[in-house]
Amino acid sequence: MSPTHLKRHAQLVDDMAKARGLDLQEIALRGVLSPSDISDLVLSCTECTQTAACEKWLSEQVGAVSAAPHYCRNGHRFDDFARNSG
């Protein structure tokens, strides 16, 4: 897997978290998310077949959304973070 591919998906994970109103760095600082967990999120994202659709969806979002698209391989994790962040 190329560094470019990993970087693209790391950005998608961060952008999806932001779209959900989540700050992964802040969640990690609270000890809820480890560096290994973040790697797992990115690796899961790299296995997605909807990358172009995800990029398009993310580009259309304004403000926080209540859910990731149904095809998001990390959607359930973002749901968990959102439930436990307040």
N, C-alpha and C. Protein backbone atom coordinates (compact mmCIF):
# COMPACT_ATOMS: atom_id res chain seq x y z
N MET A 1 0.86 -1.18 0.00
CA MET A 1 0.00 0.00 0.00
C MET A 1 0.90 1.24 0.00
N SER A 2 0.63 2.12 -0.90
CA SER A 2 1.49 3.30 -1.06
C SER A 2 1.22 4.33 0.05
N PRO A 3 2.24 5.12 0.36
CA PRO A 3 2.04 6.21 1.33
C PRO A 3 0.96 7.18 0.88
N THR A 4 0.85 7.42 -0.41
CA THR A 4 -0.18 8.32 -0.94
C THR A 4 -1.57 7.77 -0.65
N HIS A 5 -1.73 6.47 -0.83
CA HIS A 5 -3.02 5.81 -0.57
C HIS A 5 -3.38 5.94 0.91
N LEU A 6 -2.42 5.66 1.77
CA LEU A 6 -2.66 5.76 3.22
C LEU A 6 -2.99 7.20 3.62
N LYS A 7 -2.25 8.15 3.07
CA LYS A 7 -2.48 9.55 3.40
C LYS A 7 -3.89 9.99 2.96
N ARG A 8 -4.31 9.54 1.78
CA ARG A 8 -5.65 9.88 1.29
C ARG A 8 -6.71 9.38 2.25
N HIS A 9 -6.56 8.15 2.73
CA HIS A 9 -7.56 7.57 3.62
C HIS A 9 -7.47 8.14 5.03
N ALA A 10 -6.27 8.51 5.46
CA ALA A 10 -6.14 9.18 6.76
C ALA A 10 -6.90 10.50 6.72
N GLN A 11 -6.81 11.21 5.59
CA GLN A 11 -7.53 12.47 5.44
C GLN A 11 -9.04 12.23 5.41
N LEU A 12 -9.47 11.16 4.74
CA LEU A 12 -10.90 10.84 4.70
C LEU A 12 -11.43 10.54 6.09
N VAL A 13 -10.67 9.79 6.87
CA VAL A 13 -11.09 9.47 8.24
C VAL A 13 -11.22 10.76 9.04
N ASP A 14 -10.23 11.62 8.94
CA ASP A 14 -10.28 12.89 9.68
C ASP A 14 -11.45 13.75 9.20
N ASP A 15 -11.65 13.82 7.90
CA ASP A 15 -12.75 14.62 7.35
C ASP A 15 -14.11 14.06 7.75
N MET A 16 -14.24 12.74 7.78
CA MET A 16 -15.51 12.13 8.17
C MET A 16 -15.78 12.41 9.65
N ALA A 17 -14.74 12.31 10.46
CA ALA A 17 -14.91 12.62 11.89
C ALA A 17 -15.36 14.07 12.05
N LYS A 18 -14.73 14.98 11.34
CA LYS A 18 -15.11 16.39 11.42
C LYS A 18 -16.54 16.59 10.95
N ALA A 19 -16.94 15.89 9.90
CA ALA A 19 -18.32 15.99 9.42
C ALA A 19 -19.30 15.54 10.49
N ARG A 20 -18.89 14.60 11.31
CA ARG A 20 -19.73 14.12 12.42
C ARG A 20 -19.62 15.02 13.63
N GLY A 21 -18.81 16.06 13.56
CA GLY A 21 -18.64 16.97 14.69
C GLY A 21 -17.65 16.46 15.72
N LEU A 22 -16.77 15.57 15.29
CA LEU A 22 -15.81 14.94 16.20
C LEU A 22 -14.40 15.43 15.92
N ASP A 23 -13.61 15.55 16.98
CA ASP A 23 -12.21 15.92 16.87
C ASP A 23 -11.41 14.71 17.36
N LEU A 24 -10.86 13.94 16.41
CA LEU A 24 -10.14 12.72 16.78
C LEU A 24 -8.94 13.00 17.68
N GLN A 25 -8.29 14.12 17.46
CA GLN A 25 -7.14 14.47 18.30
C GLN A 25 -7.58 14.69 19.75
N GLU A 26 -8.68 15.37 19.94
CA GLU A 26 -9.19 15.61 21.30
C GLU A 26 -9.64 14.28 21.93
N ILE A 27 -10.26 13.43 21.15
CA ILE A 27 -10.70 12.13 21.65
C ILE A 27 -9.48 11.30 22.06
N ALA A 28 -8.41 11.38 21.28
CA ALA A 28 -7.18 10.66 21.61
C ALA A 28 -6.55 11.22 22.89
N LEU A 29 -6.57 12.54 23.03
CA LEU A 29 -6.00 13.16 24.24
C LEU A 29 -6.74 12.76 25.50
N ARG A 30 -8.04 12.47 25.36
CA ARG A 30 -8.82 12.00 26.52
C ARG A 30 -8.56 10.54 26.81
N GLY A 31 -7.78 9.87 25.96
CA GLY A 31 -7.44 8.47 26.19
C GLY A 31 -8.47 7.49 25.67
N VAL A 32 -9.45 7.97 24.93
CA VAL A 32 -10.50 7.11 24.40
C VAL A 32 -10.03 6.41 23.12
N LEU A 33 -9.08 7.02 22.45
CA LEU A 33 -8.61 6.55 21.16
C LEU A 33 -7.09 6.48 21.19
N SER A 34 -6.52 5.32 20.90
CA SER A 34 -5.07 5.17 20.89
C SER A 34 -4.54 5.34 19.46
N PRO A 35 -3.23 5.53 19.32
CA PRO A 35 -2.66 5.59 17.98
C PRO A 35 -2.98 4.32 17.18
N SER A 36 -3.01 3.19 17.84
CA SER A 36 -3.37 1.94 17.17
C SER A 36 -4.82 1.97 16.68
N ASP A 37 -5.70 2.55 17.48
CA ASP A 37 -7.11 2.68 17.07
C ASP A 37 -7.24 3.55 15.83
N ILE A 38 -6.47 4.63 15.79
CA ILE A 38 -6.51 5.53 14.64
C ILE A 38 -6.00 4.79 13.40
N SER A 39 -4.94 4.02 13.57
CA SER A 39 -4.43 3.21 12.45
C SER A 39 -5.49 2.24 11.96
N ASP A 40 -6.22 1.63 12.90
CA ASP A 40 -7.28 0.70 12.53
C ASP A 40 -8.38 1.40 11.73
N LEU A 41 -8.73 2.63 12.12
CA LEU A 41 -9.73 3.40 11.37
C LEU A 41 -9.26 3.64 9.94
N VAL A 42 -8.01 4.04 9.81
CA VAL A 42 -7.46 4.33 8.48
C VAL A 42 -7.39 3.05 7.65
N LEU A 43 -6.89 1.97 8.23
CA LEU A 43 -6.80 0.72 7.48
C LEU A 43 -8.17 0.21 7.05
N SER A 44 -9.15 0.36 7.91
CA SER A 44 -10.51 -0.02 7.53
C SER A 44 -10.99 0.82 6.36
N CYS A 45 -10.69 2.10 6.40
CA CYS A 45 -11.07 3.01 5.32
C CYS A 45 -10.40 2.61 4.00
N THR A 46 -9.16 2.15 4.05
CA THR A 46 -8.47 1.78 2.82
C THR A 46 -9.14 0.62 2.10
N GLU A 47 -9.95 -0.15 2.82
CA GLU A 47 -10.63 -1.29 2.22
C GLU A 47 -11.99 -0.93 1.63
N CYS A 48 -12.37 0.33 1.73
CA CYS A 48 -13.65 0.80 1.21
C CYS A 48 -13.62 0.86 -0.31
N THR A 49 -14.74 0.53 -0.92
CA THR A 49 -14.86 0.59 -2.38
C THR A 49 -15.59 1.85 -2.82
N GLN A 50 -15.92 2.73 -1.89
CA GLN A 50 -16.70 3.93 -2.19
C GLN A 50 -15.92 5.22 -1.97
N THR A 51 -14.62 5.19 -2.20
CA THR A 51 -13.78 6.35 -1.91
C THR A 51 -14.25 7.60 -2.65
N ALA A 52 -14.50 7.49 -3.94
CA ALA A 52 -14.93 8.66 -4.71
C ALA A 52 -16.27 9.19 -4.21
N ALA A 53 -17.19 8.29 -3.91
CA ALA A 53 -18.50 8.70 -3.37
C ALA A 53 -18.32 9.39 -2.02
N CYS A 54 -17.41 8.88 -1.22
CA CYS A 54 -17.14 9.47 0.10
C CYS A 54 -16.58 10.88 -0.06
N GLU A 55 -15.61 11.03 -0.93
CA GLU A 55 -15.02 12.36 -1.15
C GLU A 55 -16.09 13.34 -1.63
N LYS A 56 -16.95 12.89 -2.53
CA LYS A 56 -18.03 13.75 -3.03
C LYS A 56 -18.99 14.11 -1.89
N TRP A 57 -19.41 13.10 -1.11
CA TRP A 57 -20.32 13.33 0.01
C TRP A 57 -19.72 14.33 0.99
N LEU A 58 -18.45 14.12 1.34
CA LEU A 58 -17.80 15.02 2.28
C LEU A 58 -17.74 16.44 1.76
N SER A 59 -17.50 16.60 0.46
CA SER A 59 -17.39 17.95 -0.12
C SER A 59 -18.72 18.69 -0.09
N GLU A 60 -19.81 17.96 0.04
CA GLU A 60 -21.15 18.57 0.03
C GLU A 60 -21.69 18.88 1.41
N GLN A 61 -20.98 18.49 2.46
CA GLN A 61 -21.50 18.67 3.82
C GLN A 61 -21.18 20.05 4.35
N VAL A 62 -22.14 20.62 5.05
CA VAL A 62 -21.97 21.90 5.72
C VAL A 62 -22.39 21.70 7.16
N GLY A 63 -21.47 21.91 8.08
CA GLY A 63 -21.80 21.69 9.49
C GLY A 63 -21.77 20.22 9.84
N ALA A 64 -22.04 19.93 11.10
CA ALA A 64 -22.02 18.55 11.58
C ALA A 64 -23.25 17.78 11.11
N VAL A 65 -23.03 16.53 10.78
CA VAL A 65 -24.12 15.65 10.35
C VAL A 65 -24.36 14.60 11.43
N SER A 66 -25.55 14.01 11.41
CA SER A 66 -25.91 13.05 12.46
C SER A 66 -25.44 11.63 12.18
N ALA A 67 -24.99 11.36 10.95
CA ALA A 67 -24.53 10.01 10.62
C ALA A 67 -23.63 10.05 9.40
N ALA A 68 -22.71 9.11 9.36
CA ALA A 68 -21.89 8.92 8.17
C ALA A 68 -22.73 8.20 7.12
N PRO A 69 -22.32 8.24 5.87
CA PRO A 69 -23.07 7.49 4.85
C PRO A 69 -23.10 6.00 5.19
N HIS A 70 -24.11 5.31 4.71
CA HIS A 70 -24.31 3.89 5.04
C HIS A 70 -23.11 3.03 4.67
N TYR A 71 -22.34 3.43 3.68
CA TYR A 71 -21.21 2.62 3.22
C TYR A 71 -19.93 2.86 4.03
N CYS A 72 -19.94 3.82 4.94
CA CYS A 72 -18.73 4.13 5.71
C CYS A 72 -18.37 2.96 6.62
N ARG A 73 -17.18 2.43 6.42
CA ARG A 73 -16.72 1.28 7.19
C ARG A 73 -16.46 1.63 8.66
N ASN A 74 -16.35 2.93 8.95
CA ASN A 74 -16.11 3.37 10.32
C ASN A 74 -17.30 4.09 10.93
N GLY A 75 -18.41 4.10 10.24
CA GLY A 75 -19.59 4.82 10.71
C GLY A 75 -20.00 4.45 12.12
N HIS A 76 -19.97 3.16 12.43
CA HIS A 76 -20.37 2.72 13.78
C HIS A 76 -19.40 3.24 14.84
N ARG A 77 -18.12 3.32 14.50
CA ARG A 77 -17.14 3.86 15.46
C ARG A 77 -17.38 5.35 15.70
N PHE A 78 -17.67 6.08 14.63
CA PHE A 78 -17.98 7.50 14.78
C PHE A 78 -19.25 7.69 15.60
N ASP A 79 -20.23 6.81 15.41
CA ASP A 79 -21.45 6.86 16.22
C ASP A 79 -21.11 6.68 17.70
N ASP A 80 -20.25 5.70 18.00
CA ASP A 80 -19.84 5.45 19.38
C ASP A 80 -19.14 6.67 19.97
N PHE A 81 -18.21 7.27 19.23
CA PHE A 81 -17.50 8.45 19.71
C PHE A 81 -18.46 9.59 19.97
N ALA A 82 -19.43 9.78 19.08
CA ALA A 82 -20.40 10.87 19.23
C ALA A 82 -21.26 10.64 20.47
N ARG A 83 -21.69 9.41 20.70
CA ARG A 83 -22.51 9.10 21.88
C ARG A 83 -21.75 9.33 23.18
N ASN A 84 -20.46 9.06 23.16
CA ASN A 84 -19.66 9.13 24.38
C ASN A 84 -18.89 10.42 24.54
N SER A 85 -19.14 11.40 23.68
CA SER A 85 -18.33 12.62 23.75
C SER A 85 -19.01 13.74 24.53
N GLY A 86 -20.11 13.49 25.13
CA GLY A 86 -20.74 14.58 25.84
C GLY A 86 -21.15 14.15 27.15
